[in-house]
Amino acid sequence: MHESDEPVTGPDPSTPPTSPTPSADSAADSEPPATAGSGRRAAVRPAKASGFSGVAAGVLSAIRKHPKTWMAAAAAVVFLLLGTGSVALGATIGSPAAAAGRTSTATPTPTRTSTPTPTPTVDPERPVPANQAAATRIRTCSVAGLAGDRRLGNLEAQVVNAKTGQALFDRNGTKAGPTASVLKTLTSAAALATLGPDYRVSTTVVAGSTPGQVVIVGGGDVTLSRLPDGQASFYTGAPKIQDLANQVKQAMGGQQITSIVVDASLFGAPFWQPSWDEREERVVEGSTPYMTALMVDGDRDDPTAVESPRSTDPVGRAVQYFQQYLGTNVGVSQGVATAGARQLGVVQSQPVTTLIDQAMRVSDNTIMEELARLVAIKNGAGNTFDALNAGVLAGLKGYGIDTAGIHIADGSGLSGDNAVPPSYLTQLFIKVLNRQNGLGVVYDSLPVAGKSGTLGPGYNRFTGANSAARGAVLAKTGWIDNGYTLSGIINAADGTPLTFAVFALGPVSDNAKQAIDTLVTGFYKCGDNLSNG
C-alpha cells in the first residue's frame, strides 16, 4: 500500500472524554491549590514524623478528597515523564525550521534531592525475520485477450523464462492433453537417450537353413528405398534394396537362390494403431503406413513424395523389389532367421540424428513410429504399440523431468490417446535450447516461423501482423481431429529466451492455427514482461 493510501487515524469516538490533564511542565513544576480541607489537616497534624512539608500534606489531603481526579493527573505525569526521551529524540531528528520555531514556556524545575528523575525507557527494536521474502516483480504485458480467443477451444498452455525457469504464463499448464505431432519431440529425445545419436538401423540378409535359401531380415528401417542407384528417394541418403541384393549375389558366388524367407518378426502385431483413422491417414492423406519391420520408402506409392497413399502389404512390396534386383521369382515364405547364420549382405540407414532431423522438419510419422518401436524394444518393454508407453518413458527418464501424467500411445502423435502436459514440454525445451544430452539435433531440426519446415513458406503460418515473430519462433507443429498444437522456443523481442507449449483442444477447426500464431506472437512481444493476468 502507498503511504497516501494508508488510513488516517484520529480519536476513537467510542472512548468517553476524560478530565483535562496537566501538561508535562505544569505537572512537574507547580503545586495543586490549597483547599480548606487540606489546611485543617495541616494544622491539626503537622508533617513531622512522616517528613512531609505542609505543602505535601495539602497535596495528600486533596488526593483523599478527589482521588479519581488526582489518579488521572498522576498517570498523565508518569506518561509524559516516560515520553520525555522520545520527545527529545524527535526534536533532534525533526526539521530545523520546526525546532527553531518552538519557544519554551516551561519554568525552571527546582532540584529535589528526595525524588530522583525517572530514567526514560527505550522500546526494544521490532524483530525482523532472518529470511525476508524477495520482492516480486510485477509484470504488465498481458495476453489475456488473445488467450480468450474462442478459436483456441479448450486452451492448455504454458510459457517459461528459459534462463530462470520461472513460469510466466499458465493456462491449465499441468493438465495432460493430446499433443498431436508435438509428441515427436519426446520420441526424438527418447531415441537419442536409448539408441544413441550415431545408431543406424540395419537391414540384413543371412543364409537360410537349406542350400540356396536366403533370409531377408527387417530391422525396422522405413527409409530403405526401392529406387535404383542414382535416383534419390524422399528420405535423404537412404540405403538401397538394390545394393542389398547385389551384395547377396556376390556372397552366393554364383550359387542359385532356391527360396526366400522373410523375417519381419522384429515388430509385433497389430501393425495399425487402433485409434488411428486408417482411411484418412493411410489412403487419403497418405501420411502413415502399416508399421512392419520391413518396408521400402515408408511404403509410399510415390517414393519421392512427402505424403502418398500406402499399401496394405508393406512387406510384400519390399520383397517384390528384392526379388526383382536378385533376378529371381523363387518362392517366398515367412520365417525367422537362425541365430548366428552367415551374413550375406547388409545396408544401414542414416544415423538417428539424421532421421530425427528429417522427421522433425516435415513431421514425418513413419520415422517416428520406427524410432518409438526401436526404443521400446531396446528398453525391454516389448515390440508392439502397447509397449511404447513404458519404453518411451524409460527413454525419457534420464532427462530428470517428472513424467507424471504422460501417456504414450504411439510415436508420431497421431493418436488422440496421447497425453502430455504443456509443463513437461516447457521443461524439455529448456534442455533442447541448451543442447543438453545431445538434444541440439532437436533444436536444429525445429521448423522456424516463416522460414522452414511446417512453419515455412506454403504453410500459411505467422502471416500478417504475426509476421513480427518470423524467424524468432522455433517450434514443432501438430494437428489431429481434436486439437492443434505448437511447442518450442521463442527468442523474444527483449532478448529473453522463452519455452512454450500451446494446445488448442476440443471442437476446433483449421483457424485455430492462426489463433495460436497470434497468441505466440504476443508471447514474443512481451518477453520477460509477460503477465499471467
Protein backbone atom coordinates (compact mmCIF):
# COMPACT_ATOMS: atom_id res chain seq x y z
CA MET A 1 0.00 0.00 0.00
CA HIS A 2 1.26 3.50 -0.83
CA GLU A 3 1.63 5.96 2.02
CA SER A 4 -1.08 8.19 0.56
CA ASP A 5 -3.45 5.24 0.63
CA GLU A 6 -3.00 4.42 4.29
CA PRO A 7 -5.99 5.33 6.53
CA VAL A 8 -5.57 8.43 8.76
CA THR A 9 -6.33 7.62 12.40
CA GLY A 10 -7.81 10.04 14.97
CA PRO A 11 -9.53 9.95 18.36
CA ASP A 12 -11.72 6.96 18.85
CA PRO A 13 -15.32 8.32 19.04
CA SER A 14 -16.26 5.38 21.23
CA THR A 15 -13.88 6.46 24.03
CA PRO A 16 -15.53 8.72 26.65
CA PRO A 17 -13.87 12.13 27.33
CA THR A 18 -11.65 12.46 30.38
CA SER A 19 -10.84 15.37 32.63
CA PRO A 20 -8.10 17.71 31.45
CA THR A 21 -4.65 16.55 32.45
CA PRO A 22 -1.90 18.95 33.50
CA SER A 23 0.83 19.44 30.97
CA ALA A 24 4.23 17.87 31.49
CA ASP A 25 5.71 21.19 32.55
CA SER A 26 2.94 22.31 34.90
CA ALA A 27 2.55 18.88 36.49
CA ALA A 28 6.20 18.72 37.29
CA ASP A 29 6.77 22.30 38.49
CA SER A 30 3.56 23.58 40.15
CA GLU A 31 1.65 22.55 43.18
CA PRO A 32 -2.09 21.97 43.44
CA PRO A 33 -4.13 24.86 45.00
CA ALA A 34 -4.77 24.65 48.70
CA THR A 35 -8.22 23.75 49.94
CA ALA A 36 -9.94 24.17 53.31
CA GLY A 37 -9.68 20.51 53.98
CA SER A 38 -6.01 20.43 53.32
CA GLY A 39 -5.39 23.46 55.54
CA ARG A 40 -7.15 21.91 58.53
CA ARG A 41 -5.32 18.62 58.13
CA ALA A 42 -2.03 20.51 58.02
CA ALA A 43 -2.90 22.45 61.21
CA VAL A 44 -4.12 19.51 63.20
CA ARG A 45 -1.38 17.01 62.12
CA PRO A 46 1.82 18.85 61.19
CA ALA A 47 4.10 16.81 58.92
CA LYS A 48 6.96 15.87 61.17
CA ALA A 49 7.07 12.14 61.78
CA SER A 50 6.35 11.47 58.09
CA GLY A 51 8.85 14.05 56.90
CA PHE A 52 6.35 15.73 54.58
CA SER A 53 6.22 19.50 54.26
CA GLY A 54 2.98 21.37 54.72
CA VAL A 55 2.54 21.62 51.00
CA ALA A 56 2.94 17.90 50.59
CA ALA A 57 0.39 17.30 53.31
CA GLY A 58 -2.02 19.54 51.47
CA VAL A 59 -1.49 17.52 48.36
CA LEU A 60 -2.31 14.33 50.23
CA SER A 61 -5.45 15.91 51.58
CA ALA A 62 -6.55 16.91 48.12
CA ILE A 63 -5.87 13.41 46.81
CA ARG A 64 -8.06 11.90 49.54
CA LYS A 65 -10.95 14.19 48.66
CA HIS A 66 -10.65 13.81 44.89
CA PRO A 67 -8.87 10.51 44.31
CA LYS A 68 -10.07 9.85 40.77
CA THR A 69 -9.07 13.27 39.50
CA TRP A 70 -5.60 13.06 41.05
CA MET A 71 -5.04 9.48 39.89
CA ALA A 72 -5.73 10.59 36.32
CA ALA A 73 -3.37 13.53 36.73
CA ALA A 74 -0.65 11.31 38.17
CA ALA A 75 -0.99 8.86 35.29
CA ALA A 76 -0.62 11.68 32.82
CA VAL A 77 2.52 12.92 34.58
CA VAL A 78 4.08 9.46 34.50
CA PHE A 79 3.18 9.05 30.87
CA LEU A 80 4.75 12.40 29.97
CA LEU A 81 7.88 11.70 32.01
CA LEU A 82 8.34 8.36 30.30
CA GLY A 83 7.88 10.02 26.94
CA THR A 84 10.46 12.72 27.58
CA GLY A 85 13.20 10.68 25.93
CA SER A 86 11.12 10.14 22.84
CA VAL A 87 10.17 13.84 22.62
CA ALA A 88 13.78 14.82 22.97
CA LEU A 89 14.83 12.39 20.26
CA GLY A 90 12.09 13.65 18.00
CA ALA A 91 13.33 17.18 18.41
CA THR A 92 16.82 16.04 17.48
CA ILE A 93 15.83 14.50 14.05
CA GLY A 94 13.00 16.93 13.35
CA SER A 95 13.19 19.68 10.77
CA PRO A 96 15.39 22.71 11.68
CA ALA A 97 12.53 25.05 10.92
CA ALA A 98 10.21 23.32 13.33
CA ALA A 99 12.87 23.27 16.03
CA ALA A 100 13.66 26.95 15.54
CA GLY A 101 10.00 27.94 15.68
CA ARG A 102 9.37 26.44 19.12
CA THR A 103 9.52 28.76 22.17
CA SER A 104 9.88 27.19 25.59
CA THR A 105 7.38 28.35 28.22
CA ALA A 106 8.49 25.95 30.93
CA THR A 107 9.57 27.28 34.32
CA PRO A 108 12.95 26.01 35.54
CA THR A 109 12.41 22.92 37.63
CA PRO A 110 13.73 23.15 41.21
CA THR A 111 16.10 20.42 42.29
CA ARG A 112 14.52 17.81 44.52
CA THR A 113 17.02 15.51 46.10
CA SER A 114 14.34 13.29 47.64
CA THR A 115 12.75 12.38 44.24
CA PRO A 116 15.18 11.09 41.59
CA THR A 117 14.35 11.84 37.99
CA PRO A 118 12.93 8.76 36.24
CA THR A 119 15.17 7.28 33.53
CA PRO A 120 13.36 7.22 30.17
CA THR A 121 12.78 3.73 28.84
CA VAL A 122 13.63 2.81 25.26
CA ASP A 123 11.41 0.41 23.35
CA PRO A 124 13.31 -2.59 22.03
CA GLU A 125 13.72 -2.77 18.26
CA ARG A 126 10.99 -4.64 16.42
CA PRO A 127 12.26 -8.14 15.49
CA VAL A 128 12.96 -8.70 11.77
CA PRO A 129 12.64 -12.15 10.15
CA ALA A 130 16.00 -13.69 9.33
CA ASN A 131 14.92 -14.57 5.76
CA GLN A 132 12.86 -11.81 4.24
CA ALA A 133 10.91 -12.67 1.07
CA ALA A 134 12.34 -11.12 -2.06
CA ALA A 135 10.24 -8.51 -3.78
CA THR A 136 8.07 -9.98 -6.53
CA ARG A 137 8.35 -8.30 -9.90
CA ILE A 138 5.08 -7.02 -11.28
CA ARG A 139 4.79 -7.90 -14.97
CA THR A 140 2.44 -5.78 -17.02
CA CYS A 141 2.30 -7.24 -20.54
CA SER A 142 -0.95 -9.20 -20.73
CA VAL A 143 -2.09 -11.60 -23.44
CA ALA A 144 -5.31 -12.47 -21.63
CA GLY A 145 -7.42 -11.22 -24.52
CA LEU A 146 -5.51 -13.32 -27.05
CA ALA A 147 -5.74 -16.37 -24.80
CA GLY A 148 -9.51 -15.92 -24.65
CA ASP A 149 -9.91 -16.33 -28.42
CA ARG A 150 -12.70 -18.86 -28.93
CA ARG A 151 -10.82 -20.40 -31.85
CA LEU A 152 -8.42 -21.87 -29.27
CA GLY A 153 -11.14 -24.11 -27.85
CA ASN A 154 -10.07 -25.59 -24.53
CA LEU A 155 -6.70 -23.94 -24.06
CA GLU A 156 -3.80 -25.62 -22.31
CA ALA A 157 -0.65 -23.53 -22.39
CA GLN A 158 2.47 -22.55 -20.51
CA VAL A 159 5.36 -20.14 -21.09
CA VAL A 160 8.62 -20.28 -19.14
CA ASN A 161 11.64 -17.99 -18.96
CA ALA A 162 14.30 -20.44 -20.12
CA LYS A 163 17.05 -18.67 -18.14
CA THR A 164 15.33 -18.58 -14.76
CA GLY A 165 12.89 -21.48 -15.13
CA GLN A 166 10.07 -19.22 -13.94
CA ALA A 167 6.62 -19.85 -15.41
CA LEU A 168 5.38 -16.51 -16.76
CA PHE A 169 2.06 -17.66 -18.20
CA ASP A 170 -0.09 -20.67 -17.42
CA ARG A 171 -3.48 -21.89 -18.55
CA ASN A 172 -4.06 -25.49 -17.44
CA GLY A 173 -0.35 -25.98 -17.99
CA THR A 174 -0.07 -29.08 -15.82
CA LYS A 175 -3.05 -30.82 -17.39
CA ALA A 176 -2.09 -33.63 -19.75
CA GLY A 177 -3.66 -33.41 -23.19
CA PRO A 178 -3.24 -34.81 -26.70
CA THR A 179 -0.14 -33.35 -28.30
CA ALA A 180 -0.58 -34.24 -31.97
CA SER A 181 2.83 -34.18 -33.72
CA VAL A 182 4.47 -32.23 -30.91
CA LEU A 183 4.90 -35.72 -29.43
CA LYS A 184 7.69 -36.25 -31.95
CA THR A 185 9.86 -34.15 -29.65
CA LEU A 186 9.52 -36.73 -26.88
CA THR A 187 10.11 -39.62 -29.27
CA SER A 188 13.28 -37.92 -30.53
CA ALA A 189 14.56 -37.35 -27.01
CA ALA A 190 13.88 -40.96 -26.04
CA ALA A 191 15.64 -42.24 -29.19
CA LEU A 192 18.72 -40.12 -28.54
CA ALA A 193 18.93 -41.35 -24.96
CA THR A 194 18.19 -45.01 -25.70
CA LEU A 195 19.65 -45.74 -29.13
CA GLY A 196 22.29 -43.03 -29.20
CA PRO A 197 22.84 -40.30 -31.82
CA ASP A 198 25.02 -42.48 -34.07
CA TYR A 199 22.87 -45.60 -34.12
CA ARG A 200 21.99 -46.89 -37.62
CA VAL A 201 19.17 -49.29 -38.45
CA SER A 202 20.26 -52.35 -40.41
CA THR A 203 18.51 -54.50 -42.98
CA THR A 204 20.36 -57.80 -43.43
CA VAL A 205 20.30 -60.97 -45.45
CA VAL A 206 21.64 -64.23 -43.99
CA ALA A 207 21.95 -67.78 -45.23
CA GLY A 208 18.93 -69.99 -44.68
CA SER A 209 18.69 -73.50 -43.28
CA THR A 210 18.82 -75.18 -46.70
CA PRO A 211 21.26 -74.78 -49.62
CA GLY A 212 20.46 -71.74 -51.77
CA GLN A 213 17.98 -70.32 -49.26
CA VAL A 214 18.36 -66.69 -48.23
CA VAL A 215 16.63 -64.90 -45.36
CA ILE A 216 15.96 -61.15 -45.52
CA VAL A 217 15.68 -59.70 -42.01
CA GLY A 218 13.84 -56.46 -41.48
CA GLY A 219 15.47 -54.30 -38.82
CA GLY A 220 12.78 -51.63 -38.83
CA ASP A 221 14.37 -49.23 -41.32
CA VAL A 222 11.49 -47.43 -43.02
CA THR A 223 13.85 -45.40 -45.22
CA LEU A 224 15.18 -48.37 -47.23
CA SER A 225 14.48 -47.40 -50.84
CA ARG A 226 13.40 -49.36 -53.90
CA LEU A 227 14.74 -46.73 -56.29
CA PRO A 228 17.83 -47.75 -58.26
CA ASP A 229 21.24 -46.27 -57.73
CA GLY A 230 21.40 -42.67 -58.91
CA GLN A 231 17.80 -41.86 -58.07
CA ALA A 232 17.01 -40.05 -54.81
CA SER A 233 14.02 -41.01 -52.73
CA PHE A 234 12.15 -38.81 -50.28
CA TYR A 235 14.48 -39.88 -47.45
CA THR A 236 17.86 -38.25 -47.98
CA GLY A 237 20.78 -40.66 -48.12
CA ALA A 238 18.55 -43.71 -47.82
CA PRO A 239 20.07 -47.18 -48.32
CA LYS A 240 19.02 -49.13 -51.39
CA ILE A 241 17.49 -52.58 -51.57
CA GLN A 242 19.26 -52.90 -54.92
CA ASP A 243 22.59 -52.61 -53.07
CA LEU A 244 21.48 -55.32 -50.62
CA ALA A 245 20.53 -57.67 -53.47
CA ASN A 246 23.86 -57.09 -55.21
CA GLN A 247 25.75 -57.97 -52.01
CA VAL A 248 23.78 -61.22 -51.72
CA LYS A 249 24.50 -62.26 -55.29
CA GLN A 250 28.18 -61.61 -54.78
CA ALA A 251 28.24 -63.55 -51.46
CA MET A 252 26.48 -66.54 -53.08
CA GLY A 253 29.33 -66.77 -55.57
CA GLY A 254 27.10 -67.87 -58.43
CA GLN A 255 25.12 -70.36 -56.37
CA GLN A 256 21.49 -70.45 -57.41
CA ILE A 257 18.96 -68.96 -54.99
CA THR A 258 16.33 -71.58 -54.28
CA SER A 259 13.97 -69.76 -51.87
CA ILE A 260 13.49 -66.55 -49.94
CA VAL A 261 12.45 -66.40 -46.30
CA VAL A 262 11.17 -63.11 -44.88
CA ASP A 263 11.84 -62.36 -41.22
CA ALA A 264 9.83 -59.31 -40.19
CA SER A 265 9.30 -60.51 -36.64
CA LEU A 266 11.06 -57.57 -35.00
CA PHE A 267 7.80 -55.58 -34.88
CA GLY A 268 4.74 -57.31 -33.41
CA ALA A 269 1.11 -57.01 -34.47
CA PRO A 270 -1.15 -55.16 -34.69
CA PHE A 271 0.63 -53.07 -37.31
CA TRP A 272 -2.02 -50.34 -37.27
CA GLN A 273 -2.74 -48.35 -34.10
CA PRO A 274 -6.45 -48.90 -33.30
CA SER A 275 -7.11 -45.20 -32.58
CA TRP A 276 -5.83 -44.07 -36.00
CA ASP A 277 -8.24 -43.33 -38.83
CA GLU A 278 -6.96 -45.81 -41.40
CA ARG A 279 -8.73 -44.47 -44.45
CA GLU A 280 -7.73 -40.89 -43.71
CA GLU A 281 -4.12 -41.49 -42.74
CA ARG A 282 -3.13 -44.42 -44.95
CA VAL A 283 -5.15 -43.75 -48.09
CA VAL A 284 -6.49 -40.19 -48.33
CA GLU A 285 -3.71 -38.20 -46.69
CA GLY A 286 -1.10 -40.90 -47.11
CA SER A 287 0.91 -39.97 -44.03
CA THR A 288 1.26 -43.33 -42.29
CA PRO A 289 1.84 -46.98 -43.28
CA TYR A 290 1.25 -50.24 -41.52
CA MET A 291 4.20 -50.38 -39.13
CA THR A 292 6.07 -53.51 -40.23
CA ALA A 293 9.77 -54.19 -39.65
CA LEU A 294 10.44 -54.43 -43.40
CA MET A 295 9.27 -51.88 -45.99
CA VAL A 296 10.65 -49.63 -48.69
CA ASP A 297 10.24 -45.84 -48.93
CA GLY A 298 7.91 -45.78 -45.96
CA ASP A 299 5.61 -47.89 -48.16
CA ARG A 300 4.71 -44.85 -50.28
CA ASP A 301 3.19 -45.31 -53.70
CA ASP A 302 5.39 -42.41 -54.78
CA PRO A 303 8.82 -42.87 -53.16
CA THR A 304 9.75 -39.22 -53.69
CA ALA A 305 6.69 -37.57 -52.11
CA VAL A 306 6.25 -36.28 -48.58
CA GLU A 307 2.78 -37.81 -48.46
CA SER A 308 1.49 -40.54 -50.71
CA PRO A 309 -1.02 -43.39 -50.32
CA ARG A 310 0.33 -46.51 -48.62
CA SER A 311 -0.38 -50.16 -49.35
CA THR A 312 -1.94 -52.90 -47.26
CA ASP A 313 1.18 -55.08 -47.52
CA PRO A 314 4.44 -53.19 -46.93
CA VAL A 315 6.44 -56.42 -46.51
CA GLY A 316 5.16 -57.84 -49.81
CA ARG A 317 6.10 -54.65 -51.66
CA ALA A 318 9.63 -54.74 -50.26
CA VAL A 319 10.13 -58.42 -51.15
CA GLN A 320 8.85 -57.77 -54.67
CA TYR A 321 11.68 -55.31 -55.30
CA PHE A 322 14.24 -57.53 -53.56
CA GLN A 323 13.31 -60.36 -55.94
CA GLN A 324 13.48 -58.00 -58.89
CA TYR A 325 17.03 -56.93 -58.08
CA LEU A 326 18.09 -60.54 -57.36
CA GLY A 327 16.74 -61.51 -60.74
CA THR A 328 14.60 -64.35 -59.43
CA ASN A 329 10.98 -65.21 -58.79
CA VAL A 330 11.52 -68.13 -56.43
CA GLY A 331 9.06 -68.91 -53.68
CA VAL A 332 8.76 -66.66 -50.62
CA SER A 333 7.76 -67.71 -47.11
CA GLN A 334 7.61 -66.19 -43.64
CA GLY A 335 10.09 -67.33 -41.05
CA VAL A 336 12.77 -66.44 -38.54
CA ALA A 337 16.48 -66.28 -39.21
CA THR A 338 18.69 -68.80 -37.46
CA ALA A 339 20.85 -67.26 -34.74
CA GLY A 340 24.45 -66.97 -35.88
CA ALA A 341 23.65 -67.58 -39.55
CA ARG A 342 26.21 -66.40 -42.10
CA GLN A 343 25.61 -62.83 -43.22
CA LEU A 344 25.25 -62.38 -46.95
CA GLY A 345 24.59 -58.66 -47.08
CA VAL A 346 23.68 -55.59 -45.01
CA VAL A 347 22.66 -51.98 -45.63
CA GLN A 348 22.20 -49.31 -42.99
CA SER A 349 20.09 -46.23 -42.52
CA GLN A 350 21.39 -42.79 -41.80
CA PRO A 351 22.21 -42.23 -38.09
CA VAL A 352 19.49 -41.41 -35.59
CA THR A 353 20.42 -37.72 -35.67
CA THR A 354 19.71 -37.54 -39.43
CA LEU A 355 16.48 -39.49 -39.08
CA ILE A 356 15.30 -37.08 -36.36
CA ASP A 357 16.23 -34.07 -38.46
CA GLN A 358 14.27 -35.32 -41.48
CA ALA A 359 11.23 -36.34 -39.45
CA MET A 360 11.02 -33.16 -37.37
CA ARG A 361 11.28 -30.78 -40.31
CA VAL A 362 8.40 -32.28 -42.29
CA SER A 363 6.61 -34.03 -39.40
CA ASP A 364 7.12 -37.50 -40.86
CA ASN A 365 5.05 -40.02 -38.93
CA THR A 366 6.77 -43.10 -40.30
CA ILE A 367 10.30 -42.45 -39.00
CA MET A 368 8.93 -41.53 -35.59
CA GLU A 369 6.89 -44.72 -35.32
CA GLU A 370 10.04 -46.65 -36.22
CA LEU A 371 12.13 -44.91 -33.57
CA ALA A 372 9.50 -45.33 -30.85
CA ARG A 373 9.25 -49.07 -31.56
CA LEU A 374 13.05 -49.49 -31.53
CA VAL A 375 13.24 -47.58 -28.21
CA ALA A 376 10.62 -49.87 -26.64
CA ILE A 377 12.48 -52.96 -27.84
CA LYS A 378 15.84 -51.70 -26.62
CA ASN A 379 14.39 -50.88 -23.20
CA GLY A 380 12.85 -54.35 -22.90
CA ALA A 381 9.26 -53.10 -22.94
CA GLY A 382 8.14 -55.14 -25.96
CA ASN A 383 7.65 -54.72 -29.71
CA THR A 384 4.00 -53.62 -30.01
CA PHE A 385 2.07 -50.38 -29.73
CA ASP A 386 1.16 -51.36 -26.18
CA ALA A 387 4.86 -51.38 -25.27
CA LEU A 388 5.50 -47.81 -26.38
CA ASN A 389 4.33 -46.13 -23.18
CA ALA A 390 6.73 -47.99 -20.91
CA GLY A 391 9.51 -47.95 -23.50
CA VAL A 392 9.45 -44.25 -24.31
CA LEU A 393 9.01 -43.19 -20.68
CA ALA A 394 12.04 -45.30 -19.79
CA GLY A 395 13.95 -43.48 -22.51
CA LEU A 396 12.94 -40.09 -21.09
CA LYS A 397 13.86 -40.94 -17.51
CA GLY A 398 17.45 -39.79 -17.84
CA TYR A 399 16.42 -36.20 -18.56
CA GLY A 400 15.30 -35.78 -14.97
CA ILE A 401 11.88 -34.29 -15.74
CA ASP A 402 8.82 -35.65 -13.95
CA THR A 403 6.80 -37.74 -16.42
CA ALA A 404 3.71 -37.99 -14.20
CA GLY A 405 0.52 -37.82 -16.24
CA ILE A 406 2.19 -38.70 -19.55
CA HIS A 407 0.74 -41.49 -21.69
CA ILE A 408 2.35 -42.59 -24.95
CA ALA A 409 0.02 -44.32 -27.42
CA ASP A 410 2.27 -44.02 -30.49
CA GLY A 411 5.50 -42.41 -31.61
CA SER A 412 4.16 -39.82 -34.04
CA GLY A 413 1.41 -38.11 -32.03
CA LEU A 414 -1.28 -39.21 -34.47
CA SER A 415 -3.37 -40.81 -31.74
CA GLY A 416 -5.76 -38.75 -29.68
CA ASP A 417 -4.94 -41.06 -26.77
CA ASN A 418 -1.52 -39.49 -26.25
CA ALA A 419 -1.38 -37.24 -23.20
CA VAL A 420 1.39 -34.84 -22.19
CA PRO A 421 1.11 -31.69 -20.03
CA PRO A 422 2.43 -28.46 -21.55
CA SER A 423 4.60 -28.07 -18.42
CA TYR A 424 6.62 -31.13 -19.44
CA LEU A 425 7.33 -29.67 -22.85
CA THR A 426 8.45 -26.29 -21.50
CA GLN A 427 10.98 -28.09 -19.29
CA LEU A 428 12.17 -30.40 -22.07
CA PHE A 429 12.65 -27.48 -24.46
CA ILE A 430 14.92 -25.76 -21.94
CA LYS A 431 17.22 -28.76 -22.33
CA VAL A 432 16.80 -28.62 -26.11
CA LEU A 433 17.72 -24.93 -26.09
CA ASN A 434 20.82 -25.64 -24.01
CA ARG A 435 21.71 -28.66 -26.20
CA GLN A 436 21.88 -30.92 -23.17
CA ASN A 437 22.25 -34.68 -23.57
CA GLY A 438 22.70 -34.40 -27.34
CA LEU A 439 19.36 -32.59 -27.80
CA GLY A 440 20.98 -29.99 -30.01
CA VAL A 441 19.86 -32.04 -33.02
CA VAL A 442 16.25 -31.44 -31.99
CA TYR A 443 16.90 -27.71 -31.74
CA ASP A 444 18.49 -27.63 -35.19
CA SER A 445 15.61 -29.55 -36.75
CA LEU A 446 12.78 -27.39 -35.40
CA PRO A 447 10.72 -25.56 -38.03
CA VAL A 448 11.33 -21.81 -37.97
CA ALA A 449 8.39 -19.41 -38.26
CA GLY A 450 8.14 -18.05 -41.79
CA LYS A 451 11.33 -19.77 -42.92
CA SER A 452 11.45 -23.55 -42.76
CA GLY A 453 9.66 -26.83 -42.20
CA THR A 454 5.98 -26.90 -41.36
CA LEU A 455 6.17 -23.24 -40.26
CA GLY A 456 7.82 -22.20 -43.53
CA PRO A 457 6.53 -20.86 -46.85
CA GLY A 458 3.48 -22.68 -48.13
CA TYR A 459 2.07 -23.48 -44.71
CA ASN A 460 0.36 -20.10 -44.12
CA ARG A 461 1.81 -19.60 -40.65
CA PHE A 462 2.85 -16.36 -38.93
CA THR A 463 1.45 -14.11 -41.63
CA GLY A 464 0.07 -10.57 -41.45
CA ALA A 465 0.58 -8.95 -38.06
CA ASN A 466 2.03 -12.21 -36.76
CA SER A 467 4.95 -11.90 -39.16
CA ALA A 468 6.58 -9.83 -36.40
CA ALA A 469 7.66 -13.12 -34.84
CA ARG A 470 9.06 -14.62 -38.04
CA GLY A 471 12.49 -16.08 -37.51
CA ALA A 472 12.08 -15.85 -33.73
CA VAL A 473 9.87 -18.89 -33.13
CA LEU A 474 11.37 -22.37 -33.45
CA ALA A 475 8.69 -24.94 -32.77
CA LYS A 476 7.09 -28.27 -33.58
CA THR A 477 3.64 -28.13 -35.09
CA GLY A 478 0.81 -30.57 -34.58
CA TRP A 479 -2.69 -31.29 -35.80
CA ILE A 480 -5.21 -34.06 -35.20
CA ASP A 481 -9.01 -34.12 -35.35
CA ASN A 482 -9.45 -32.83 -31.79
CA GLY A 483 -6.60 -30.40 -31.50
CA TYR A 484 -3.96 -28.06 -32.90
CA THR A 485 -0.68 -27.68 -31.08
CA LEU A 486 2.59 -25.77 -31.19
CA SER A 487 5.54 -26.05 -28.82
CA GLY A 488 9.14 -24.92 -28.81
CA ILE A 489 11.34 -21.90 -28.24
CA ILE A 490 10.82 -18.14 -28.66
CA ASN A 491 13.67 -15.67 -28.92
CA ALA A 492 11.58 -12.81 -27.53
CA ALA A 493 11.78 -9.19 -28.66
CA ASP A 494 13.51 -8.16 -25.42
CA GLY A 495 16.16 -10.86 -25.83
CA THR A 496 14.64 -13.29 -23.33
CA PRO A 497 14.63 -16.95 -24.38
CA LEU A 498 11.22 -18.47 -23.71
CA THR A 499 9.97 -22.04 -23.95
CA PHE A 500 6.29 -22.59 -24.59
CA ALA A 501 3.58 -25.10 -25.37
CA VAL A 502 0.10 -24.26 -26.66
CA PHE A 503 -2.67 -26.84 -27.09
CA ALA A 504 -5.96 -25.75 -28.69
CA LEU A 505 -8.20 -28.70 -27.93
CA GLY A 506 -11.78 -29.78 -28.44
CA PRO A 507 -14.09 -28.95 -31.35
CA VAL A 508 -11.55 -26.68 -33.07
CA SER A 509 -11.02 -26.03 -36.77
CA ASP A 510 -8.18 -25.03 -39.06
CA ASN A 511 -8.42 -21.38 -37.99
CA ALA A 512 -7.04 -22.42 -34.60
CA LYS A 513 -3.60 -22.26 -36.23
CA GLN A 514 -3.91 -18.50 -36.75
CA ALA A 515 -5.17 -18.03 -33.19
CA ILE A 516 -2.15 -19.98 -31.90
CA ASP A 517 0.21 -17.88 -34.04
CA THR A 518 -1.35 -14.69 -32.67
CA LEU A 519 -1.00 -15.84 -29.07
CA VAL A 520 2.61 -16.91 -29.61
CA THR A 521 3.37 -13.57 -31.27
CA GLY A 522 2.01 -11.97 -28.11
CA PHE A 523 4.47 -14.05 -26.07
CA TYR A 524 7.25 -12.87 -28.39
CA LYS A 525 6.37 -9.20 -27.95
CA CYS A 526 6.00 -9.40 -24.15
CA GLY A 527 9.17 -11.37 -23.42
CA ASP A 528 10.07 -11.42 -19.74
CA ASN A 529 7.39 -8.81 -19.04
CA LEU A 530 4.69 -11.36 -19.90
CA SER A 531 1.94 -11.30 -17.30
CA ASN A 532 -0.12 -14.27 -16.22
CA GLY A 533 -3.09 -11.99 -15.57
